[in-house]
Amino acid sequence: MPKDTFFNLPDEKRQRVIEAAIDEFAKRSFHDARVTAIAEKAGIPVGSFYQYFEDKKDLFKYIIKLIADEKIAYINQDMIANMQRYGFFQLLRETYASGFRFAKERPQLVAIGLSLWNDKALSHEVYGDYIETSVGFFQRIIAKGIADGELDPSIDPAFVARLLTALTYALADFIYDDGKLDLDDMEIVDKMLRIIENGIKNRTAAIGG
């Protein structure tokens, strides 16, 4: 996390640093991004950068946190609006659709996410910080699904929430395969959701063969 000196900056100066970092990380991978370019665009001496952050990774992880917080807030806003209108599986689909809408509105942030995802070592390090947040989100909508009678009450919500989290991260490999993120990728999401809802058993096969 940034040092206290960064949080003690005036809001306008702190925002300049954030915007400069987003701009640089959106254009270049983490390893190619330049502290000097961020400092120059933010209008601060390079020496001041190291008064605010331990190093480039410290700043990068902070930017990822800001992106994650903004995306979660965006999705939660949609969930609050749709919670009573949708059943569990509709709500689950809307969660992913909301994420795609966020991506369309914030292409710079998506560029950073795509770059990070392609760096497997760094992505495992960074995204590991947000697994529990994802698990908690899924647990909430699973609890609603059970309460509404849509889901089997014997399931373990914590276990299923972790499965959904793992599937979500695995899904990203398919979605990011073409190097972009768009609403067409909902077809991939729908494939996963059909399996979640219906399983993989052949229910049309005659019993006993």
N, C-alpha and C. Protein backbone atom coordinates (compact mmCIF):
# COMPACT_ATOMS: atom_id res chain seq x y z
N MET A 1 0.84 -1.20 0.00
CA MET A 1 0.00 0.00 0.00
C MET A 1 0.87 1.25 0.00
N PRO A 2 0.35 2.35 -0.56
CA PRO A 2 1.12 3.60 -0.54
C PRO A 2 1.45 4.03 0.88
N LYS A 3 2.46 4.87 0.99
CA LYS A 3 2.87 5.39 2.29
C LYS A 3 1.90 6.49 2.73
N ASP A 4 1.94 6.83 4.01
CA ASP A 4 1.07 7.89 4.54
C ASP A 4 1.29 9.21 3.82
N THR A 5 2.51 9.44 3.35
CA THR A 5 2.81 10.70 2.65
C THR A 5 1.94 10.86 1.41
N PHE A 6 1.60 9.74 0.77
CA PHE A 6 0.75 9.81 -0.42
C PHE A 6 -0.67 10.19 -0.02
N PHE A 7 -1.20 9.56 1.01
CA PHE A 7 -2.57 9.85 1.43
C PHE A 7 -2.71 11.24 2.06
N ASN A 8 -1.59 11.82 2.47
CA ASN A 8 -1.61 13.16 3.04
C ASN A 8 -1.54 14.25 1.97
N LEU A 9 -1.36 13.85 0.72
CA LEU A 9 -1.32 14.82 -0.37
C LEU A 9 -2.70 15.45 -0.57
N PRO A 10 -2.75 16.66 -1.12
CA PRO A 10 -4.05 17.24 -1.51
C PRO A 10 -4.74 16.32 -2.51
N ASP A 11 -6.07 16.28 -2.48
CA ASP A 11 -6.83 15.37 -3.35
C ASP A 11 -6.45 15.53 -4.82
N GLU A 12 -6.29 16.77 -5.26
CA GLU A 12 -6.02 17.02 -6.68
C GLU A 12 -4.67 16.44 -7.09
N LYS A 13 -3.66 16.57 -6.24
CA LYS A 13 -2.32 16.04 -6.56
C LYS A 13 -2.32 14.52 -6.50
N ARG A 14 -3.01 13.98 -5.52
CA ARG A 14 -3.10 12.52 -5.41
C ARG A 14 -3.80 11.93 -6.64
N GLN A 15 -4.84 12.60 -7.10
CA GLN A 15 -5.57 12.12 -8.27
C GLN A 15 -4.71 12.21 -9.52
N ARG A 16 -3.86 13.23 -9.62
CA ARG A 16 -2.95 13.35 -10.76
C ARG A 16 -2.02 12.14 -10.85
N VAL A 17 -1.53 11.72 -9.71
CA VAL A 17 -0.63 10.56 -9.67
C VAL A 17 -1.39 9.31 -10.10
N ILE A 18 -2.60 9.14 -9.60
CA ILE A 18 -3.42 7.97 -9.95
C ILE A 18 -3.70 7.94 -11.45
N GLU A 19 -4.10 9.07 -12.00
CA GLU A 19 -4.43 9.13 -13.42
C GLU A 19 -3.20 8.90 -14.29
N ALA A 20 -2.06 9.43 -13.86
CA ALA A 20 -0.82 9.22 -14.61
C ALA A 20 -0.43 7.74 -14.59
N ALA A 21 -0.63 7.10 -13.45
CA ALA A 21 -0.30 5.67 -13.34
C ALA A 21 -1.23 4.83 -14.20
N ILE A 22 -2.53 5.13 -14.17
CA ILE A 22 -3.49 4.40 -15.01
C ILE A 22 -3.13 4.54 -16.47
N ASP A 23 -2.79 5.75 -16.89
CA ASP A 23 -2.43 6.00 -18.28
C ASP A 23 -1.20 5.18 -18.68
N GLU A 24 -0.17 5.16 -17.83
CA GLU A 24 1.06 4.43 -18.16
C GLU A 24 0.84 2.92 -18.15
N PHE A 25 0.13 2.41 -17.14
CA PHE A 25 -0.09 0.96 -17.05
C PHE A 25 -1.05 0.46 -18.13
N ALA A 26 -1.92 1.34 -18.63
CA ALA A 26 -2.83 0.96 -19.71
C ALA A 26 -2.09 0.86 -21.05
N LYS A 27 -1.02 1.62 -21.19
CA LYS A 27 -0.25 1.62 -22.43
C LYS A 27 0.84 0.56 -22.46
N ARG A 28 1.37 0.24 -21.29
CA ARG A 28 2.51 -0.67 -21.21
C ARG A 28 2.27 -1.73 -20.15
N SER A 29 2.92 -2.86 -20.30
CA SER A 29 2.85 -3.89 -19.27
C SER A 29 3.49 -3.38 -17.99
N PHE A 30 3.24 -4.09 -16.90
CA PHE A 30 3.84 -3.68 -15.62
C PHE A 30 5.35 -3.56 -15.75
N HIS A 31 5.98 -4.54 -16.39
CA HIS A 31 7.44 -4.55 -16.47
C HIS A 31 7.99 -3.44 -17.36
N ASP A 32 7.20 -3.05 -18.37
CA ASP A 32 7.66 -2.00 -19.29
C ASP A 32 7.27 -0.59 -18.85
N ALA A 33 6.33 -0.49 -17.94
CA ALA A 33 5.89 0.82 -17.46
C ALA A 33 7.05 1.54 -16.77
N ARG A 34 7.08 2.86 -16.92
CA ARG A 34 8.22 3.65 -16.43
C ARG A 34 7.80 4.59 -15.30
N VAL A 35 8.51 4.51 -14.22
CA VAL A 35 8.26 5.42 -13.10
C VAL A 35 8.49 6.85 -13.54
N THR A 36 9.52 7.07 -14.36
CA THR A 36 9.84 8.43 -14.81
C THR A 36 8.67 9.02 -15.60
N ALA A 37 8.01 8.20 -16.44
CA ALA A 37 6.87 8.69 -17.22
C ALA A 37 5.70 9.04 -16.32
N ILE A 38 5.47 8.22 -15.31
CA ILE A 38 4.37 8.48 -14.36
C ILE A 38 4.64 9.77 -13.60
N ALA A 39 5.86 9.93 -13.13
CA ALA A 39 6.22 11.13 -12.37
C ALA A 39 6.10 12.38 -13.23
N GLU A 40 6.58 12.29 -14.47
CA GLU A 40 6.52 13.44 -15.36
C GLU A 40 5.09 13.85 -15.65
N LYS A 41 4.24 12.86 -15.97
CA LYS A 41 2.84 13.16 -16.29
C LYS A 41 2.10 13.71 -15.07
N ALA A 42 2.46 13.21 -13.88
CA ALA A 42 1.79 13.66 -12.66
C ALA A 42 2.34 15.00 -12.18
N GLY A 43 3.47 15.42 -12.76
CA GLY A 43 4.07 16.70 -12.37
C GLY A 43 4.76 16.65 -11.02
N ILE A 44 5.40 15.50 -10.73
CA ILE A 44 6.13 15.37 -9.46
C ILE A 44 7.56 14.91 -9.76
N PRO A 45 8.52 15.24 -8.90
CA PRO A 45 9.88 14.72 -9.07
C PRO A 45 9.90 13.21 -8.86
N VAL A 46 10.80 12.54 -9.56
CA VAL A 46 10.93 11.09 -9.40
C VAL A 46 11.23 10.75 -7.95
N GLY A 47 12.03 11.59 -7.29
CA GLY A 47 12.34 11.36 -5.87
C GLY A 47 11.10 11.35 -5.00
N SER A 48 10.13 12.19 -5.34
CA SER A 48 8.89 12.24 -4.57
C SER A 48 8.10 10.94 -4.71
N PHE A 49 8.20 10.33 -5.90
CA PHE A 49 7.50 9.06 -6.13
C PHE A 49 7.86 8.06 -5.04
N TYR A 50 9.14 7.98 -4.71
CA TYR A 50 9.59 6.99 -3.73
C TYR A 50 9.32 7.44 -2.29
N GLN A 51 8.86 8.66 -2.15
CA GLN A 51 8.35 9.09 -0.84
C GLN A 51 6.90 8.65 -0.66
N TYR A 52 6.24 8.38 -1.78
CA TYR A 52 4.83 7.99 -1.75
C TYR A 52 4.64 6.47 -1.83
N PHE A 53 5.55 5.80 -2.56
CA PHE A 53 5.43 4.36 -2.80
C PHE A 53 6.76 3.66 -2.56
N GLU A 54 6.68 2.41 -2.16
CA GLU A 54 7.91 1.64 -1.97
C GLU A 54 8.63 1.44 -3.29
N ASP A 55 7.85 1.11 -4.32
CA ASP A 55 8.41 0.86 -5.65
C ASP A 55 7.27 0.83 -6.65
N LYS A 56 7.57 0.48 -7.89
CA LYS A 56 6.55 0.45 -8.95
C LYS A 56 5.46 -0.56 -8.64
N LYS A 57 5.83 -1.72 -8.09
CA LYS A 57 4.83 -2.74 -7.78
C LYS A 57 3.86 -2.25 -6.71
N ASP A 58 4.35 -1.50 -5.77
CA ASP A 58 3.50 -0.95 -4.72
C ASP A 58 2.41 -0.07 -5.34
N LEU A 59 2.81 0.78 -6.28
CA LEU A 59 1.84 1.62 -6.98
C LEU A 59 0.90 0.77 -7.83
N PHE A 60 1.43 -0.22 -8.55
CA PHE A 60 0.62 -1.05 -9.42
C PHE A 60 -0.45 -1.79 -8.63
N LYS A 61 -0.07 -2.37 -7.52
CA LYS A 61 -1.05 -3.10 -6.69
C LYS A 61 -2.12 -2.15 -6.15
N TYR A 62 -1.73 -0.92 -5.88
CA TYR A 62 -2.72 0.06 -5.41
C TYR A 62 -3.70 0.39 -6.53
N ILE A 63 -3.20 0.53 -7.75
CA ILE A 63 -4.07 0.82 -8.89
C ILE A 63 -5.03 -0.35 -9.12
N ILE A 64 -4.54 -1.57 -9.01
CA ILE A 64 -5.41 -2.74 -9.16
C ILE A 64 -6.48 -2.74 -8.08
N LYS A 65 -6.13 -2.34 -6.87
CA LYS A 65 -7.12 -2.26 -5.79
C LYS A 65 -8.20 -1.24 -6.13
N LEU A 66 -7.79 -0.08 -6.66
CA LEU A 66 -8.76 0.94 -7.03
C LEU A 66 -9.69 0.43 -8.12
N ILE A 67 -9.11 -0.29 -9.10
CA ILE A 67 -9.92 -0.85 -10.18
C ILE A 67 -10.91 -1.88 -9.62
N ALA A 68 -10.41 -2.76 -8.76
CA ALA A 68 -11.28 -3.79 -8.17
C ALA A 68 -12.40 -3.16 -7.36
N ASP A 69 -12.07 -2.14 -6.57
CA ASP A 69 -13.09 -1.48 -5.74
C ASP A 69 -14.15 -0.81 -6.62
N GLU A 70 -13.69 -0.17 -7.70
CA GLU A 70 -14.64 0.51 -8.59
C GLU A 70 -15.54 -0.50 -9.30
N LYS A 71 -14.95 -1.61 -9.74
CA LYS A 71 -15.74 -2.63 -10.43
C LYS A 71 -16.74 -3.28 -9.49
N ILE A 72 -16.32 -3.59 -8.27
CA ILE A 72 -17.23 -4.20 -7.29
C ILE A 72 -18.39 -3.25 -6.98
N ALA A 73 -18.07 -1.96 -6.81
CA ALA A 73 -19.13 -0.98 -6.54
C ALA A 73 -20.11 -0.91 -7.70
N TYR A 74 -19.59 -0.97 -8.92
CA TYR A 74 -20.43 -0.92 -10.12
C TYR A 74 -21.35 -2.14 -10.17
N ILE A 75 -20.78 -3.32 -9.95
CA ILE A 75 -21.58 -4.55 -9.99
C ILE A 75 -22.60 -4.57 -8.85
N ASN A 76 -22.18 -4.16 -7.66
CA ASN A 76 -23.10 -4.15 -6.52
C ASN A 76 -24.27 -3.21 -6.76
N GLN A 77 -24.02 -2.09 -7.44
CA GLN A 77 -25.10 -1.16 -7.75
C GLN A 77 -26.13 -1.84 -8.64
N ASP A 78 -25.65 -2.59 -9.64
CA ASP A 78 -26.56 -3.34 -10.51
C ASP A 78 -27.29 -4.43 -9.72
N MET A 79 -26.58 -5.09 -8.82
CA MET A 79 -27.18 -6.18 -8.06
C MET A 79 -28.30 -5.66 -7.15
N ILE A 80 -28.06 -4.52 -6.53
CA ILE A 80 -29.09 -3.93 -5.66
C ILE A 80 -30.34 -3.62 -6.47
N ALA A 81 -30.14 -3.11 -7.70
CA ALA A 81 -31.28 -2.76 -8.56
C ALA A 81 -32.04 -3.99 -9.03
N ASN A 82 -31.32 -5.11 -9.19
CA ASN A 82 -31.95 -6.30 -9.78
C ASN A 82 -32.25 -7.42 -8.79
N MET A 83 -31.81 -7.27 -7.54
CA MET A 83 -31.90 -8.36 -6.56
C MET A 83 -33.31 -8.93 -6.43
N GLN A 84 -34.28 -8.07 -6.40
CA GLN A 84 -35.65 -8.55 -6.19
C GLN A 84 -36.33 -8.96 -7.49
N ARG A 85 -35.79 -8.55 -8.62
CA ARG A 85 -36.42 -8.86 -9.92
C ARG A 85 -35.95 -10.19 -10.48
N TYR A 86 -34.73 -10.59 -10.13
CA TYR A 86 -34.13 -11.76 -10.74
C TYR A 86 -34.04 -12.93 -9.79
N GLY A 87 -34.17 -14.13 -10.34
CA GLY A 87 -33.87 -15.33 -9.59
C GLY A 87 -32.36 -15.54 -9.54
N PHE A 88 -31.93 -16.60 -8.87
CA PHE A 88 -30.50 -16.82 -8.66
C PHE A 88 -29.70 -16.88 -9.97
N PHE A 89 -30.14 -17.68 -10.91
CA PHE A 89 -29.36 -17.89 -12.13
C PHE A 89 -29.38 -16.65 -13.03
N GLN A 90 -30.50 -15.94 -13.03
CA GLN A 90 -30.54 -14.66 -13.75
C GLN A 90 -29.60 -13.66 -13.09
N LEU A 91 -29.62 -13.66 -11.77
CA LEU A 91 -28.78 -12.72 -11.03
C LEU A 91 -27.30 -13.04 -11.24
N LEU A 92 -26.97 -14.32 -11.27
CA LEU A 92 -25.59 -14.73 -11.51
C LEU A 92 -25.15 -14.28 -12.90
N ARG A 93 -26.02 -14.46 -13.89
CA ARG A 93 -25.67 -14.01 -15.24
C ARG A 93 -25.51 -12.50 -15.30
N GLU A 94 -26.38 -11.81 -14.60
CA GLU A 94 -26.32 -10.35 -14.59
C GLU A 94 -25.02 -9.85 -13.95
N THR A 95 -24.49 -10.62 -13.00
CA THR A 95 -23.22 -10.26 -12.40
C THR A 95 -22.12 -10.17 -13.45
N TYR A 96 -22.05 -11.18 -14.31
CA TYR A 96 -21.04 -11.18 -15.36
C TYR A 96 -21.33 -10.11 -16.42
N ALA A 97 -22.60 -9.96 -16.78
CA ALA A 97 -22.97 -8.95 -17.77
C ALA A 97 -22.62 -7.55 -17.27
N SER A 98 -22.82 -7.33 -15.98
CA SER A 98 -22.47 -6.05 -15.38
C SER A 98 -20.96 -5.80 -15.48
N GLY A 99 -20.18 -6.86 -15.28
CA GLY A 99 -18.73 -6.74 -15.42
C GLY A 99 -18.33 -6.35 -16.83
N PHE A 100 -19.02 -6.90 -17.83
CA PHE A 100 -18.73 -6.55 -19.22
C PHE A 100 -19.13 -5.10 -19.52
N ARG A 101 -20.23 -4.65 -18.95
CA ARG A 101 -20.64 -3.26 -19.16
C ARG A 101 -19.61 -2.31 -18.55
N PHE A 102 -19.12 -2.69 -17.37
CA PHE A 102 -18.07 -1.89 -16.73
C PHE A 102 -16.85 -1.80 -17.65
N ALA A 103 -16.49 -2.92 -18.25
CA ALA A 103 -15.33 -2.96 -19.15
C ALA A 103 -15.53 -2.03 -20.34
N LYS A 104 -16.74 -2.01 -20.87
CA LYS A 104 -17.03 -1.16 -22.03
C LYS A 104 -16.91 0.32 -21.66
N GLU A 105 -17.31 0.65 -20.45
CA GLU A 105 -17.29 2.05 -20.02
C GLU A 105 -15.90 2.50 -19.58
N ARG A 106 -15.04 1.54 -19.17
CA ARG A 106 -13.72 1.89 -18.63
C ARG A 106 -12.62 1.11 -19.36
N PRO A 107 -12.44 1.37 -20.67
CA PRO A 107 -11.48 0.59 -21.46
C PRO A 107 -10.05 0.67 -20.95
N GLN A 108 -9.64 1.81 -20.39
CA GLN A 108 -8.28 1.91 -19.86
C GLN A 108 -8.04 0.89 -18.75
N LEU A 109 -9.02 0.74 -17.89
CA LEU A 109 -8.88 -0.19 -16.77
C LEU A 109 -8.84 -1.63 -17.26
N VAL A 110 -9.60 -1.92 -18.32
CA VAL A 110 -9.59 -3.26 -18.89
C VAL A 110 -8.23 -3.56 -19.49
N ALA A 111 -7.61 -2.57 -20.12
CA ALA A 111 -6.28 -2.76 -20.71
C ALA A 111 -5.27 -3.15 -19.64
N ILE A 112 -5.39 -2.55 -18.47
CA ILE A 112 -4.50 -2.90 -17.35
C ILE A 112 -4.77 -4.33 -16.90
N GLY A 113 -6.05 -4.67 -16.78
CA GLY A 113 -6.42 -6.02 -16.36
C GLY A 113 -5.95 -7.09 -17.32
N LEU A 114 -6.08 -6.82 -18.63
CA LEU A 114 -5.64 -7.78 -19.64
C LEU A 114 -4.12 -7.97 -19.58
N SER A 115 -3.41 -6.87 -19.43
CA SER A 115 -1.95 -6.94 -19.32
C SER A 115 -1.54 -7.75 -18.10
N LEU A 116 -2.22 -7.52 -17.00
CA LEU A 116 -1.91 -8.25 -15.77
C LEU A 116 -2.21 -9.74 -15.95
N TRP A 117 -3.34 -10.06 -16.57
CA TRP A 117 -3.73 -11.46 -16.71
C TRP A 117 -2.72 -12.24 -17.54
N ASN A 118 -2.08 -11.57 -18.48
CA ASN A 118 -1.08 -12.23 -19.33
C ASN A 118 0.24 -12.47 -18.61
N ASP A 119 0.40 -11.87 -17.46
CA ASP A 119 1.60 -12.09 -16.64
C ASP A 119 1.18 -13.00 -15.49
N LYS A 120 1.28 -14.31 -15.70
CA LYS A 120 0.69 -15.27 -14.77
C LYS A 120 1.26 -15.16 -13.36
N ALA A 121 2.57 -15.00 -13.25
CA ALA A 121 3.18 -14.91 -11.91
C ALA A 121 2.64 -13.70 -11.15
N LEU A 122 2.61 -12.57 -11.82
CA LEU A 122 2.14 -11.34 -11.17
C LEU A 122 0.64 -11.41 -10.90
N SER A 123 -0.12 -11.96 -11.84
CA SER A 123 -1.58 -12.02 -11.65
C SER A 123 -1.94 -12.90 -10.47
N HIS A 124 -1.24 -14.03 -10.28
CA HIS A 124 -1.51 -14.88 -9.12
C HIS A 124 -1.20 -14.15 -7.83
N GLU A 125 -0.14 -13.37 -7.84
CA GLU A 125 0.22 -12.61 -6.65
C GLU A 125 -0.81 -11.53 -6.34
N VAL A 126 -1.24 -10.81 -7.36
CA VAL A 126 -2.15 -9.68 -7.16
C VAL A 126 -3.58 -10.13 -6.91
N TYR A 127 -4.10 -11.03 -7.76
CA TYR A 127 -5.50 -11.43 -7.64
C TYR A 127 -5.76 -12.26 -6.38
N GLY A 128 -4.71 -12.85 -5.84
CA GLY A 128 -4.88 -13.59 -4.60
C GLY A 128 -5.43 -12.74 -3.48
N ASP A 129 -5.19 -11.43 -3.55
CA ASP A 129 -5.68 -10.51 -2.52
C ASP A 129 -7.19 -10.33 -2.57
N TYR A 130 -7.82 -10.72 -3.69
CA TYR A 130 -9.24 -10.42 -3.86
C TYR A 130 -10.14 -11.66 -3.89
N ILE A 131 -9.54 -12.81 -3.66
CA ILE A 131 -10.32 -14.05 -3.69
C ILE A 131 -11.41 -14.04 -2.63
N GLU A 132 -11.08 -13.62 -1.41
CA GLU A 132 -12.08 -13.64 -0.34
C GLU A 132 -13.23 -12.67 -0.62
N THR A 133 -12.93 -11.56 -1.28
CA THR A 133 -13.98 -10.61 -1.65
C THR A 133 -14.96 -11.26 -2.62
N SER A 134 -14.41 -11.99 -3.59
CA SER A 134 -15.26 -12.69 -4.56
C SER A 134 -16.08 -13.78 -3.89
N VAL A 135 -15.46 -14.53 -3.00
CA VAL A 135 -16.16 -15.59 -2.27
C VAL A 135 -17.32 -15.00 -1.47
N GLY A 136 -17.07 -13.90 -0.80
CA GLY A 136 -18.12 -13.26 0.00
C GLY A 136 -19.28 -12.80 -0.85
N PHE A 137 -18.98 -12.25 -2.03
CA PHE A 137 -20.05 -11.79 -2.93
C PHE A 137 -20.92 -12.97 -3.36
N PHE A 138 -20.28 -14.07 -3.79
CA PHE A 138 -21.06 -15.23 -4.24
C PHE A 138 -21.86 -15.85 -3.09
N GLN A 139 -21.30 -15.83 -1.90
CA GLN A 139 -22.03 -16.38 -0.76
C GLN A 139 -23.34 -15.63 -0.52
N ARG A 140 -23.31 -14.32 -0.73
CA ARG A 140 -24.52 -13.52 -0.51
C ARG A 140 -25.63 -13.90 -1.48
N ILE A 141 -25.29 -14.06 -2.75
CA ILE A 141 -26.36 -14.38 -3.70
C ILE A 141 -26.76 -15.86 -3.60
N ILE A 142 -25.85 -16.71 -3.17
CA ILE A 142 -26.21 -18.12 -2.93
C ILE A 142 -27.20 -18.21 -1.77
N ALA A 143 -26.94 -17.45 -0.71
CA ALA A 143 -27.84 -17.43 0.45
C ALA A 143 -29.24 -16.98 0.02
N LYS A 144 -29.31 -16.00 -0.86
CA LYS A 144 -30.61 -15.54 -1.36
C LYS A 144 -31.28 -16.65 -2.17
N GLY A 145 -30.49 -17.36 -3.02
CA GLY A 145 -31.05 -18.44 -3.82
C GLY A 145 -31.63 -19.55 -2.97
N ILE A 146 -30.96 -19.86 -1.86
CA ILE A 146 -31.47 -20.87 -0.93
C ILE A 146 -32.74 -20.38 -0.25
N ALA A 147 -32.71 -19.13 0.21
CA ALA A 147 -33.87 -18.55 0.90
C ALA A 147 -35.09 -18.49 -0.01
N ASP A 148 -34.85 -18.25 -1.30
CA ASP A 148 -35.96 -18.16 -2.27
C ASP A 148 -36.43 -19.53 -2.75
N GLY A 149 -35.75 -20.59 -2.30
CA GLY A 149 -36.15 -21.93 -2.68
C GLY A 149 -35.65 -22.38 -4.05
N GLU A 150 -34.76 -21.60 -4.67
CA GLU A 150 -34.23 -21.97 -5.99
C GLU A 150 -33.10 -22.97 -5.92
N LEU A 151 -32.35 -22.94 -4.83
CA LEU A 151 -31.18 -23.79 -4.68
C LEU A 151 -31.40 -24.84 -3.61
N ASP A 152 -30.73 -25.94 -3.77
CA ASP A 152 -30.81 -27.05 -2.81
C ASP A 152 -30.34 -26.56 -1.44
N PRO A 153 -31.19 -26.62 -0.42
CA PRO A 153 -30.80 -26.11 0.90
C PRO A 153 -29.70 -26.93 1.57
N SER A 154 -29.39 -28.10 1.02
CA SER A 154 -28.34 -28.93 1.63
C SER A 154 -26.94 -28.56 1.16
N ILE A 155 -26.84 -27.66 0.17
CA ILE A 155 -25.50 -27.31 -0.33
C ILE A 155 -24.77 -26.47 0.72
N ASP A 156 -23.45 -26.49 0.64
CA ASP A 156 -22.60 -25.69 1.51
C ASP A 156 -22.30 -24.38 0.79
N PRO A 157 -22.91 -23.26 1.21
CA PRO A 157 -22.73 -21.98 0.50
C PRO A 157 -21.27 -21.56 0.38
N ALA A 158 -20.47 -21.78 1.42
CA ALA A 158 -19.06 -21.38 1.38
C ALA A 158 -18.30 -22.17 0.32
N PHE A 159 -18.59 -23.48 0.26
CA PHE A 159 -17.93 -24.35 -0.71
C PHE A 159 -18.32 -23.96 -2.13
N VAL A 160 -19.63 -23.77 -2.37
CA VAL A 160 -20.10 -23.42 -3.71
C VAL A 160 -19.57 -22.04 -4.12
N ALA A 161 -19.49 -21.12 -3.17
CA ALA A 161 -18.95 -19.78 -3.46
C ALA A 161 -17.50 -19.86 -3.92
N ARG A 162 -16.72 -20.76 -3.30
CA ARG A 162 -15.32 -20.93 -3.70
C ARG A 162 -15.24 -21.59 -5.09
N LEU A 163 -16.15 -22.52 -5.36
CA LEU A 163 -16.18 -23.13 -6.69
C LEU A 163 -16.48 -22.07 -7.76
N LEU A 164 -17.47 -21.22 -7.49
CA LEU A 164 -17.84 -20.18 -8.45
C LEU A 164 -16.68 -19.19 -8.65
N THR A 165 -15.97 -18.89 -7.57
CA THR A 165 -14.82 -18.00 -7.67
C THR A 165 -13.74 -18.62 -8.54
N ALA A 166 -13.46 -19.90 -8.30
CA ALA A 166 -12.44 -20.60 -9.10
C ALA A 166 -12.86 -20.67 -10.57
N LEU A 167 -14.14 -20.95 -10.82
CA LEU A 167 -14.63 -21.00 -12.20
C LEU A 167 -14.53 -19.64 -12.88
N THR A 168 -14.78 -18.59 -12.12
CA THR A 168 -14.70 -17.24 -12.68
C THR A 168 -13.29 -16.92 -13.14
N TYR A 169 -12.30 -17.26 -12.30
CA TYR A 169 -10.91 -17.01 -12.69
C TYR A 169 -10.51 -17.90 -13.86
N ALA A 170 -10.97 -19.14 -13.87
CA ALA A 170 -10.66 -20.04 -14.99
C ALA A 170 -11.30 -19.54 -16.28
N LEU A 171 -12.48 -18.98 -16.15
CA LEU A 171 -13.21 -18.46 -17.31
C LEU A 171 -12.43 -17.35 -18.00
N ALA A 172 -11.68 -16.59 -17.23
CA ALA A 172 -10.94 -15.46 -17.79
C ALA A 172 -9.97 -15.90 -18.87
N ASP A 173 -9.39 -17.11 -18.73
CA ASP A 173 -8.47 -17.60 -19.75
C ASP A 173 -9.16 -17.72 -21.11
N PHE A 174 -10.41 -18.16 -21.11
CA PHE A 174 -11.16 -18.28 -22.36
C PHE A 174 -11.57 -16.91 -22.89
N ILE A 175 -12.02 -16.05 -21.98
CA ILE A 175 -12.50 -14.73 -22.38
C ILE A 175 -11.38 -13.86 -22.92
N TYR A 176 -10.21 -13.92 -22.28
CA TYR A 176 -9.08 -13.08 -22.69
C TYR A 176 -8.24 -13.70 -23.80
N ASP A 177 -8.65 -14.86 -24.29
CA ASP A 177 -7.84 -15.58 -25.28
C ASP A 177 -7.59 -14.75 -26.53
N ASP A 178 -8.57 -13.92 -26.92
CA ASP A 178 -8.40 -13.10 -28.13
C ASP A 178 -7.83 -11.73 -27.83
N GLY A 179 -7.42 -11.52 -26.58
CA GLY A 179 -6.78 -10.26 -26.21
C GLY A 179 -7.72 -9.09 -26.04
N LYS A 180 -9.01 -9.37 -25.91
CA LYS A 180 -9.97 -8.28 -25.70
C LYS A 180 -11.13 -8.79 -24.86
N LEU A 181 -11.95 -7.85 -24.44
CA LEU A 181 -13.12 -8.20 -23.62
C LEU A 181 -14.30 -7.43 -24.16
N ASP A 182 -15.34 -8.14 -24.59
CA ASP A 182 -16.53 -7.46 -25.10
C ASP A 182 -17.77 -8.29 -24.79
N LEU A 183 -18.93 -7.73 -25.12
CA LEU A 183 -20.19 -8.38 -24.76
C LEU A 183 -20.39 -9.71 -25.48
N ASP A 184 -19.70 -9.92 -26.60
CA ASP A 184 -19.79 -11.21 -27.29
C ASP A 184 -19.31 -12.35 -26.41
N ASP A 185 -18.45 -12.03 -25.46
CA ASP A 185 -17.91 -13.06 -24.57
C ASP A 185 -18.96 -13.60 -23.61
N MET A 186 -20.15 -12.99 -23.58
CA MET A 186 -21.22 -13.54 -22.76
C MET A 186 -21.61 -14.94 -23.23
N GLU A 187 -21.31 -15.28 -24.49
CA GLU A 187 -21.58 -16.64 -24.97
C GLU A 187 -20.76 -17.65 -24.18
N ILE A 188 -19.53 -17.28 -23.87
CA ILE A 188 -18.67 -18.16 -23.07
C ILE A 188 -19.21 -18.27 -21.66
N VAL A 189 -19.64 -17.16 -21.10
CA VAL A 189 -20.23 -17.16 -19.77
C VAL A 189 -21.47 -18.04 -19.73
N ASP A 190 -22.31 -17.93 -20.76
CA ASP A 190 -23.55 -18.72 -20.81
C ASP A 190 -23.26 -20.22 -20.86
N LYS A 191 -22.18 -20.62 -21.52
CA LYS A 191 -21.79 -22.03 -21.53
C LYS A 191 -21.52 -22.52 -20.12
N MET A 192 -20.78 -21.69 -19.35
CA MET A 192 -20.47 -22.07 -17.98
C MET A 192 -21.74 -22.10 -17.13
N LEU A 193 -22.60 -21.12 -17.30
CA LEU A 193 -23.81 -21.04 -16.49
C LEU A 193 -24.76 -22.21 -16.76
N ARG A 194 -24.79 -22.68 -18.01
CA ARG A 194 -25.64 -23.84 -18.32
C ARG A 194 -25.15 -25.08 -17.57
N ILE A 195 -23.84 -25.22 -17.46
CA ILE A 195 -23.29 -26.36 -16.73
C ILE A 195 -23.58 -26.23 -15.24
N ILE A 196 -23.46 -25.02 -14.71
CA ILE A 196 -23.74 -24.79 -13.29
C ILE A 196 -25.19 -25.12 -12.98
N GLU A 197 -26.07 -24.70 -13.85
CA GLU A 197 -27.51 -24.90 -13.59
C GLU A 197 -27.96 -26.33 -13.87
N ASN A 198 -27.40 -26.96 -14.91
CA ASN A 198 -27.92 -28.26 -15.35
C ASN A 198 -26.99 -29.44 -15.14
N GLY A 199 -25.72 -29.17 -14.84
CA GLY A 199 -24.76 -30.24 -14.68
C GLY A 199 -24.32 -30.81 -16.02
N ILE A 200 -23.62 -31.94 -15.98
CA ILE A 200 -23.13 -32.54 -17.23
C ILE A 200 -23.71 -33.94 -17.46
N LYS A 201 -24.60 -34.35 -16.58
CA LYS A 201 -25.21 -35.67 -16.75
C LYS A 201 -26.17 -35.67 -17.93
N ASN A 202 -26.17 -36.75 -18.70
CA ASN A 202 -27.10 -36.90 -19.82
C ASN A 202 -28.46 -37.33 -19.25
N ARG A 203 -29.35 -36.38 -19.10
CA ARG A 203 -30.64 -36.66 -18.47
C ARG A 203 -31.64 -37.28 -19.44
N THR A 204 -31.29 -37.34 -20.72
CA THR A 204 -32.20 -37.96 -21.70
C THR A 204 -31.91 -39.44 -21.91
N ALA A 205 -30.78 -39.89 -21.35
CA ALA A 205 -30.42 -41.31 -21.51
C ALA A 205 -31.41 -42.18 -20.76
N ALA A 206 -31.76 -43.28 -21.34
CA ALA A 206 -32.72 -44.19 -20.70
C ALA A 206 -32.11 -44.81 -19.46
N ILE A 207 -32.88 -44.88 -18.40
CA ILE A 207 -32.40 -45.47 -17.15
C ILE A 207 -32.14 -46.95 -17.37
N GLY A 208 -30.96 -47.39 -16.96
CA GLY A 208 -30.61 -48.80 -17.10
C GLY A 208 -30.10 -49.17 -18.48
N GLY A 209 -29.91 -48.10 -19.34
CA GLY A 209 -29.34 -48.35 -20.66
C GLY A 209 -30.32 -48.97 -21.60
